[in-house]
Structure formats: C-alpha cells, structure tokens
Amino acid sequence: MIAIPYNDFFENPGLYQKKAELFGIKILPKKGEKKVSKRTQKKLDALNAVVGIIPSTINVDSLLQERRTSK
C-alpha cells in the first residue's frame, strides 16, 4: 500500500489511479484539518441544506423591520 498526501493526490489523481489498481493507496488527511464530530456534521449538513432557499434579490433585513413595525 502506498501512502499519498492529500494535496498530491488531488493535484494529479490520474497518476495514482493506475498505482491504486496495482498496489492500493491510502490518502493521508490534510495537515491541520480537524475531524468534525457527528453532532457538528449534522448541523453543518442542515445549514448547507437551507443555504440558497431565500433568493438573493429579497432584502431580508427590510422584511424583518417591516414585520416588527407592523405589530
């Protein structure tokens, strides 16, 4: 098995594809990158799911202000 740094693999994945078929490869994680807990990952997934639902043409701040003043 060959160990390959993350950056090297993603710079040239085609080079390592043939080696993976023959030897097998292990892609090492990026340095300084921490693993995310399952709880945090669920929150991130939920956040990513709602990003983009509100169109960028809508001014949310003005709508909230209007709603506050109408009460």
PDB file of N, CA and C in Angstrom:
ATOM      1  N   MET A   1       0.846  -1.172   0.000  1.00  0.00           N
ATOM      2  CA  MET A   1       0.000   0.000   0.000  1.00  0.00           C
ATOM      3  C   MET A   1       0.894   1.240   0.000  1.00  0.00           C
ATOM      4  N   ILE A   2       0.495   2.223  -0.790  1.00  0.00           N
ATOM      5  CA  ILE A   2       1.241   3.467  -0.908  1.00  0.00           C
ATOM      6  C   ILE A   2       0.470   4.554  -0.152  1.00  0.00           C
ATOM      7  N   ALA A   3       1.172   5.328   0.664  1.00  0.00           N
ATOM      8  CA  ALA A   3       0.563   6.453   1.374  1.00  0.00           C
ATOM      9  C   ALA A   3       0.858   7.734   0.594  1.00  0.00           C
ATOM     10  N   ILE A   4      -0.190   8.489   0.303  1.00  0.00           N
ATOM     11  CA  ILE A   4      -0.063   9.691  -0.523  1.00  0.00           C
ATOM     12  C   ILE A   4      -0.666  10.876   0.226  1.00  0.00           C
ATOM     13  N   PRO A   5       0.042  12.005   0.263  1.00  0.00           N
ATOM     14  CA  PRO A   5      -0.549  13.203   0.862  1.00  0.00           C
ATOM     15  C   PRO A   5      -1.773  13.672   0.072  1.00  0.00           C
ATOM     16  N   TYR A   6      -2.729  14.219   0.763  1.00  0.00           N
ATOM     17  CA  TYR A   6      -3.987  14.694   0.191  1.00  0.00           C
ATOM     18  C   TYR A   6      -3.748  15.621  -1.000  1.00  0.00           C
ATOM     19  N   ASN A   7      -2.894  16.599  -0.819  1.00  0.00           N
ATOM     20  CA  ASN A   7      -2.645  17.584  -1.880  1.00  0.00           C
ATOM     21  C   ASN A   7      -2.058  16.940  -3.128  1.00  0.00           C
ATOM     22  N   ASP A   8      -1.124  16.016  -2.951  1.00  0.00           N
ATOM     23  CA  ASP A   8      -0.513  15.347  -4.101  1.00  0.00           C
ATOM     24  C   ASP A   8      -1.548  14.556  -4.892  1.00  0.00           C
ATOM     25  N   PHE A   9      -2.437  13.876  -4.175  1.00  0.00           N
ATOM     26  CA  PHE A   9      -3.440  13.068  -4.853  1.00  0.00           C
ATOM     27  C   PHE A   9      -4.373  13.941  -5.694  1.00  0.00           C
ATOM     28  N   PHE A  10      -4.849  15.043  -5.129  1.00  0.00           N
ATOM     29  CA  PHE A  10      -5.816  15.864  -5.845  1.00  0.00           C
ATOM     30  C   PHE A  10      -5.178  16.762  -6.895  1.00  0.00           C
ATOM     31  N   GLU A  11      -3.880  16.928  -6.867  1.00  0.00           N
ATOM     32  CA  GLU A  11      -3.207  17.651  -7.939  1.00  0.00           C
ATOM     33  C   GLU A  11      -3.121  16.793  -9.196  1.00  0.00           C
ATOM     34  N   ASN A  12      -2.962  15.481  -9.024  1.00  0.00           N
ATOM     35  CA  ASN A  12      -2.815  14.596 -10.176  1.00  0.00           C
ATOM     36  C   ASN A  12      -3.421  13.221  -9.870  1.00  0.00           C
ATOM     37  N   PRO A  13      -4.764  13.120  -9.814  1.00  0.00           N
ATOM     38  CA  PRO A  13      -5.385  11.847  -9.468  1.00  0.00           C
ATOM     39  C   PRO A  13      -5.176  10.751 -10.510  1.00  0.00           C
ATOM     40  N   GLY A  14      -5.025  11.132 -11.778  1.00  0.00           N
ATOM     41  CA  GLY A  14      -4.817  10.138 -12.830  1.00  0.00           C
ATOM     42  C   GLY A  14      -3.535   9.346 -12.637  1.00  0.00           C
ATOM     43  N   LEU A  15      -2.518   9.998 -12.133  1.00  0.00           N
ATOM     44  CA  LEU A  15      -1.248   9.340 -11.879  1.00  0.00           C
ATOM     45  C   LEU A  15      -1.401   8.220 -10.858  1.00  0.00           C
ATOM     46  N   TYR A  16      -2.200   8.468  -9.851  1.00  0.00           N
ATOM     47  CA  TYR A  16      -2.353   7.493  -8.767  1.00  0.00           C
ATOM     48  C   TYR A  16      -3.423   6.449  -9.048  1.00  0.00           C
ATOM     49  N   GLN A  17      -4.244   6.656 -10.075  1.00  0.00           N
ATOM     50  CA  GLN A  17      -5.296   5.691 -10.387  1.00  0.00           C
ATOM     51  C   GLN A  17      -4.703   4.336 -10.768  1.00  0.00           C
ATOM     52  N   LYS A  18      -3.705   4.343 -11.612  1.00  0.00           N
ATOM     53  CA  LYS A  18      -3.074   3.085 -12.025  1.00  0.00           C
ATOM     54  C   LYS A  18      -2.347   2.431 -10.857  1.00  0.00           C
ATOM     55  N   LYS A  19      -1.692   3.253 -10.034  1.00  0.00           N
ATOM     56  CA  LYS A  19      -0.998   2.707  -8.873  1.00  0.00           C
ATOM     57  C   LYS A  19      -1.976   2.083  -7.892  1.00  0.00           C
ATOM     58  N   ALA A  20      -3.159   2.661  -7.779  1.00  0.00           N
ATOM     59  CA  ALA A  20      -4.167   2.136  -6.862  1.00  0.00           C
ATOM     60  C   ALA A  20      -4.627   0.752  -7.289  1.00  0.00           C
ATOM     61  N   GLU A  21      -4.725   0.535  -8.594  1.00  0.00           N
ATOM     62  CA  GLU A  21      -5.143  -0.772  -9.097  1.00  0.00           C
ATOM     63  C   GLU A  21      -4.106  -1.843  -8.776  1.00  0.00           C
ATOM     64  N   LEU A  22      -2.829  -1.474  -8.789  1.00  0.00           N
ATOM     65  CA  LEU A  22      -1.766  -2.444  -8.563  1.00  0.00           C
ATOM     66  C   LEU A  22      -1.390  -2.609  -7.090  1.00  0.00           C
ATOM     67  N   PHE A  23      -1.254  -1.487  -6.399  1.00  0.00           N
ATOM     68  CA  PHE A  23      -0.717  -1.531  -5.054  1.00  0.00           C
ATOM     69  C   PHE A  23      -1.722  -1.190  -3.966  1.00  0.00           C
ATOM     70  N   GLY A  24      -2.716  -0.429  -4.278  1.00  0.00           N
ATOM     71  CA  GLY A  24      -3.614   0.125  -3.272  1.00  0.00           C
ATOM     72  C   GLY A  24      -3.003   1.409  -2.733  1.00  0.00           C
ATOM     73  N   ILE A  25      -3.835   2.364  -2.404  1.00  0.00           N
ATOM     74  CA  ILE A  25      -3.308   3.626  -1.889  1.00  0.00           C
ATOM     75  C   ILE A  25      -4.068   4.040  -0.635  1.00  0.00           C
ATOM     76  N   LYS A  26      -3.412   4.832   0.155  1.00  0.00           N
ATOM     77  CA  LYS A  26      -4.026   5.428   1.333  1.00  0.00           C
ATOM     78  C   LYS A  26      -3.785   6.922   1.224  1.00  0.00           C
ATOM     79  N   ILE A  27      -4.855   7.694   1.220  1.00  0.00           N
ATOM     80  CA  ILE A  27      -4.728   9.146   1.110  1.00  0.00           C
ATOM     81  C   ILE A  27      -4.688   9.717   2.515  1.00  0.00           C
ATOM     82  N   LEU A  28      -3.611  10.396   2.829  1.00  0.00           N
ATOM     83  CA  LEU A  28      -3.440  10.976   4.149  1.00  0.00           C
ATOM     84  C   LEU A  28      -4.253  12.269   4.248  1.00  0.00           C
ATOM     85  N   PRO A  29      -4.819  12.562   5.419  1.00  0.00           N
ATOM     86  CA  PRO A  29      -5.619  13.788   5.559  1.00  0.00           C
ATOM     87  C   PRO A  29      -4.765  15.035   5.456  1.00  0.00           C
ATOM     88  N   LYS A  30      -5.448  16.153   5.181  1.00  0.00           N
ATOM     89  CA  LYS A  30      -4.749  17.436   5.147  1.00  0.00           C
ATOM     90  C   LYS A  30      -4.192  17.720   6.530  1.00  0.00           C
ATOM     91  N   LYS A  31      -3.037  18.300   6.570  1.00  0.00           N
ATOM     92  CA  LYS A  31      -2.447  18.653   7.856  1.00  0.00           C
ATOM     93  C   LYS A  31      -3.213  19.821   8.453  1.00  0.00           C
ATOM     94  N   GLY A  32      -3.406  19.771   9.748  1.00  0.00           N
ATOM     95  CA  GLY A  32      -4.093  20.848  10.445  1.00  0.00           C
ATOM     96  C   GLY A  32      -5.602  20.796  10.329  1.00  0.00           C
ATOM     97  N   GLU A  33      -6.111  19.821   9.635  1.00  0.00           N
ATOM     98  CA  GLU A  33      -7.558  19.708   9.484  1.00  0.00           C
ATOM     99  C   GLU A  33      -8.095  18.800  10.581  1.00  0.00           C
ATOM    100  N   LYS A  34      -9.000  19.322  11.366  1.00  0.00           N
ATOM    101  CA  LYS A  34      -9.559  18.547  12.471  1.00  0.00           C
ATOM    102  C   LYS A  34     -10.777  17.780  11.997  1.00  0.00           C
ATOM    103  N   LYS A  35     -11.004  16.630  12.602  1.00  0.00           N
ATOM    104  CA  LYS A  35     -12.202  15.869  12.290  1.00  0.00           C
ATOM    105  C   LYS A  35     -13.389  16.542  12.957  1.00  0.00           C
ATOM    106  N   VAL A  36     -14.516  16.492  12.293  1.00  0.00           N
ATOM    107  CA  VAL A  36     -15.736  17.113  12.792  1.00  0.00           C
ATOM    108  C   VAL A  36     -16.564  16.042  13.486  1.00  0.00           C
ATOM    109  N   SER A  37     -17.109  16.376  14.658  1.00  0.00           N
ATOM    110  CA  SER A  37     -17.946  15.410  15.373  1.00  0.00           C
ATOM    111  C   SER A  37     -19.236  15.172  14.587  1.00  0.00           C
ATOM    112  N   LYS A  38     -19.894  14.053  14.868  1.00  0.00           N
ATOM    113  CA  LYS A  38     -21.144  13.737  14.159  1.00  0.00           C
ATOM    114  C   LYS A  38     -22.210  14.787  14.434  1.00  0.00           C
ATOM    115  N   ARG A  39     -22.242  15.271  15.665  1.00  0.00           N
ATOM    116  CA  ARG A  39     -23.232  16.287  16.035  1.00  0.00           C
ATOM    117  C   ARG A  39     -23.013  17.574  15.229  1.00  0.00           C
ATOM    118  N   THR A  40     -21.760  17.997  15.147  1.00  0.00           N
ATOM    119  CA  THR A  40     -21.433  19.196  14.384  1.00  0.00           C
ATOM    120  C   THR A  40     -21.689  18.976  12.904  1.00  0.00           C
ATOM    121  N   GLN A  41     -21.373  17.793  12.385  1.00  0.00           N
ATOM    122  CA  GLN A  41     -21.591  17.498  10.971  1.00  0.00           C
ATOM    123  C   GLN A  41     -23.072  17.539  10.624  1.00  0.00           C
ATOM    124  N   LYS A  42     -23.937  17.065  11.529  1.00  0.00           N
ATOM    125  CA  LYS A  42     -25.384  17.130  11.285  1.00  0.00           C
ATOM    126  C   LYS A  42     -25.840  18.578  11.170  1.00  0.00           C
ATOM    127  N   LYS A  43     -25.289  19.436  12.049  1.00  0.00           N
ATOM    128  CA  LYS A  43     -25.651  20.852  11.998  1.00  0.00           C
ATOM    129  C   LYS A  43     -25.154  21.487  10.705  1.00  0.00           C
ATOM    130  N   LEU A  44     -23.950  21.147  10.290  1.00  0.00           N
ATOM    131  CA  LEU A  44     -23.409  21.678   9.041  1.00  0.00           C
ATOM    132  C   LEU A  44     -24.224  21.209   7.842  1.00  0.00           C
ATOM    133  N   ASP A  45     -24.636  19.953   7.855  1.00  0.00           N
ATOM    134  CA  ASP A  45     -25.463  19.422   6.765  1.00  0.00           C
ATOM    135  C   ASP A  45     -26.801  20.151   6.688  1.00  0.00           C
ATOM    136  N   ALA A  46     -27.402  20.420   7.858  1.00  0.00           N
ATOM    137  CA  ALA A  46     -28.672  21.140   7.888  1.00  0.00           C
ATOM    138  C   ALA A  46     -28.489  22.563   7.373  1.00  0.00           C
ATOM    139  N   LEU A  47     -27.394  23.194   7.758  1.00  0.00           N
ATOM    140  CA  LEU A  47     -27.117  24.553   7.285  1.00  0.00           C
ATOM    141  C   LEU A  47     -26.917  24.579   5.779  1.00  0.00           C
ATOM    142  N   ASN A  48     -26.170  23.618   5.251  1.00  0.00           N
ATOM    143  CA  ASN A  48     -25.942  23.549   3.805  1.00  0.00           C
ATOM    144  C   ASN A  48     -27.234  23.289   3.047  1.00  0.00           C
ATOM    145  N   ALA A  49     -28.178  22.585   3.678  1.00  0.00           N
ATOM    146  CA  ALA A  49     -29.450  22.283   3.023  1.00  0.00           C
ATOM    147  C   ALA A  49     -30.304  23.531   2.848  1.00  0.00           C
ATOM    148  N   VAL A  50     -30.201  24.494   3.758  1.00  0.00           N
ATOM    149  CA  VAL A  50     -31.053  25.677   3.671  1.00  0.00           C
ATOM    150  C   VAL A  50     -30.383  26.849   2.952  1.00  0.00           C
ATOM    151  N   VAL A  51     -29.095  26.767   2.714  1.00  0.00           N
ATOM    152  CA  VAL A  51     -28.416  27.855   2.017  1.00  0.00           C
ATOM    153  C   VAL A  51     -28.957  27.945   0.597  1.00  0.00           C
ATOM    154  N   GLY A  52     -29.350  29.130   0.206  1.00  0.00           N
ATOM    155  CA  GLY A  52     -29.855  29.338  -1.147  1.00  0.00           C
ATOM    156  C   GLY A  52     -31.354  29.239  -1.284  1.00  0.00           C
ATOM    157  N   ILE A  53     -32.065  28.927  -0.197  1.00  0.00           N
ATOM    158  CA  ILE A  53     -33.528  28.836  -0.294  1.00  0.00           C
ATOM    159  C   ILE A  53     -34.123  30.218  -0.521  1.00  0.00           C
ATOM    160  N   ILE A  54     -33.629  31.228   0.200  1.00  0.00           N
ATOM    161  CA  ILE A  54     -34.123  32.590   0.036  1.00  0.00           C
ATOM    162  C   ILE A  54     -33.353  33.238  -1.113  1.00  0.00           C
ATOM    163  N   PRO A  55     -34.038  33.713  -2.135  1.00  0.00           N
ATOM    164  CA  PRO A  55     -33.351  34.338  -3.271  1.00  0.00           C
ATOM    165  C   PRO A  55     -32.553  35.564  -2.832  1.00  0.00           C
ATOM    166  N   SER A  56     -31.464  35.815  -3.493  1.00  0.00           N
ATOM    167  CA  SER A  56     -30.599  36.940  -3.130  1.00  0.00           C
ATOM    168  C   SER A  56     -31.241  38.282  -3.455  1.00  0.00           C
ATOM    169  N   THR A  57     -32.296  38.291  -4.248  1.00  0.00           N
ATOM    170  CA  THR A  57     -32.963  39.550  -4.605  1.00  0.00           C
ATOM    171  C   THR A  57     -33.863  40.060  -3.486  1.00  0.00           C
ATOM    172  N   ILE A  58     -34.160  39.228  -2.503  1.00  0.00           N
ATOM    173  CA  ILE A  58     -35.030  39.627  -1.396  1.00  0.00           C
ATOM    174  C   ILE A  58     -34.176  40.233  -0.285  1.00  0.00           C
ATOM    175  N   ASN A  59     -34.587  41.411   0.176  1.00  0.00           N
ATOM    176  CA  ASN A  59     -33.893  42.072   1.273  1.00  0.00           C
ATOM    177  C   ASN A  59     -34.535  41.618   2.585  1.00  0.00           C
ATOM    178  N   VAL A  60     -33.917  40.660   3.226  1.00  0.00           N
ATOM    179  CA  VAL A  60     -34.458  40.052   4.437  1.00  0.00           C
ATOM    180  C   VAL A  60     -34.529  41.069   5.567  1.00  0.00           C
ATOM    181  N   ASP A  61     -33.516  41.912   5.690  1.00  0.00           N
ATOM    182  CA  ASP A  61     -33.494  42.904   6.761  1.00  0.00           C
ATOM    183  C   ASP A  61     -34.693  43.849   6.683  1.00  0.00           C
ATOM    184  N   SER A  62     -35.015  44.318   5.482  1.00  0.00           N
ATOM    185  CA  SER A  62     -36.154  45.232   5.341  1.00  0.00           C
ATOM    186  C   SER A  62     -37.468  44.512   5.634  1.00  0.00           C
ATOM    187  N   LEU A  63     -37.589  43.263   5.262  1.00  0.00           N
ATOM    188  CA  LEU A  63     -38.802  42.495   5.562  1.00  0.00           C
ATOM    189  C   LEU A  63     -38.970  42.293   7.066  1.00  0.00           C
ATOM    190  N   LEU A  64     -37.869  41.989   7.751  1.00  0.00           N
ATOM    191  CA  LEU A  64     -37.941  41.811   9.202  1.00  0.00           C
ATOM    192  C   LEU A  64     -38.305  43.131   9.885  1.00  0.00           C
ATOM    193  N   GLN A  65     -37.711  44.215   9.436  1.00  0.00           N
ATOM    194  CA  GLN A  65     -38.007  45.530  10.007  1.00  0.00           C
ATOM    195  C   GLN A  65     -39.470  45.891   9.787  1.00  0.00           C
ATOM    196  N   GLU A  66     -39.976  45.617   8.596  1.00  0.00           N
ATOM    197  CA  GLU A  66     -41.378  45.896   8.273  1.00  0.00           C
ATOM    198  C   GLU A  66     -42.299  45.086   9.147  1.00  0.00           C
ATOM    199  N   ARG A  67     -41.941  43.854   9.382  1.00  0.00           N
ATOM    200  CA  ARG A  67     -42.773  42.974  10.215  1.00  0.00           C
ATOM    201  C   ARG A  67     -42.785  43.452  11.665  1.00  0.00           C
ATOM    202  N   ARG A  68     -41.638  43.904  12.162  1.00  0.00           N
ATOM    203  CA  ARG A  68     -41.544  44.379  13.537  1.00  0.00           C
ATOM    204  C   ARG A  68     -42.396  45.646  13.745  1.00  0.00           C
ATOM    205  N   THR A  69     -42.383  46.513  12.767  1.00  0.00           N
ATOM    206  CA  THR A  69     -43.126  47.770  12.903  1.00  0.00           C
ATOM    207  C   THR A  69     -44.625  47.583  12.722  1.00  0.00           C
ATOM    208  N   SER A  70     -45.046  46.520  12.048  1.00  0.00           N
ATOM    209  CA  SER A  70     -46.472  46.299  11.818  1.00  0.00           C
ATOM    210  C   SER A  70     -47.156  45.656  13.018  1.00  0.00           C
ATOM    211  N   LYS A  71     -46.411  45.190  13.991  1.00  0.00           N
ATOM    212  CA  LYS A  71     -47.025  44.544  15.175  1.00  0.00           C
ATOM    213  C   LYS A  71     -47.537  45.535  16.151  1.00  0.00           C
TER     214      LYS A  71
END
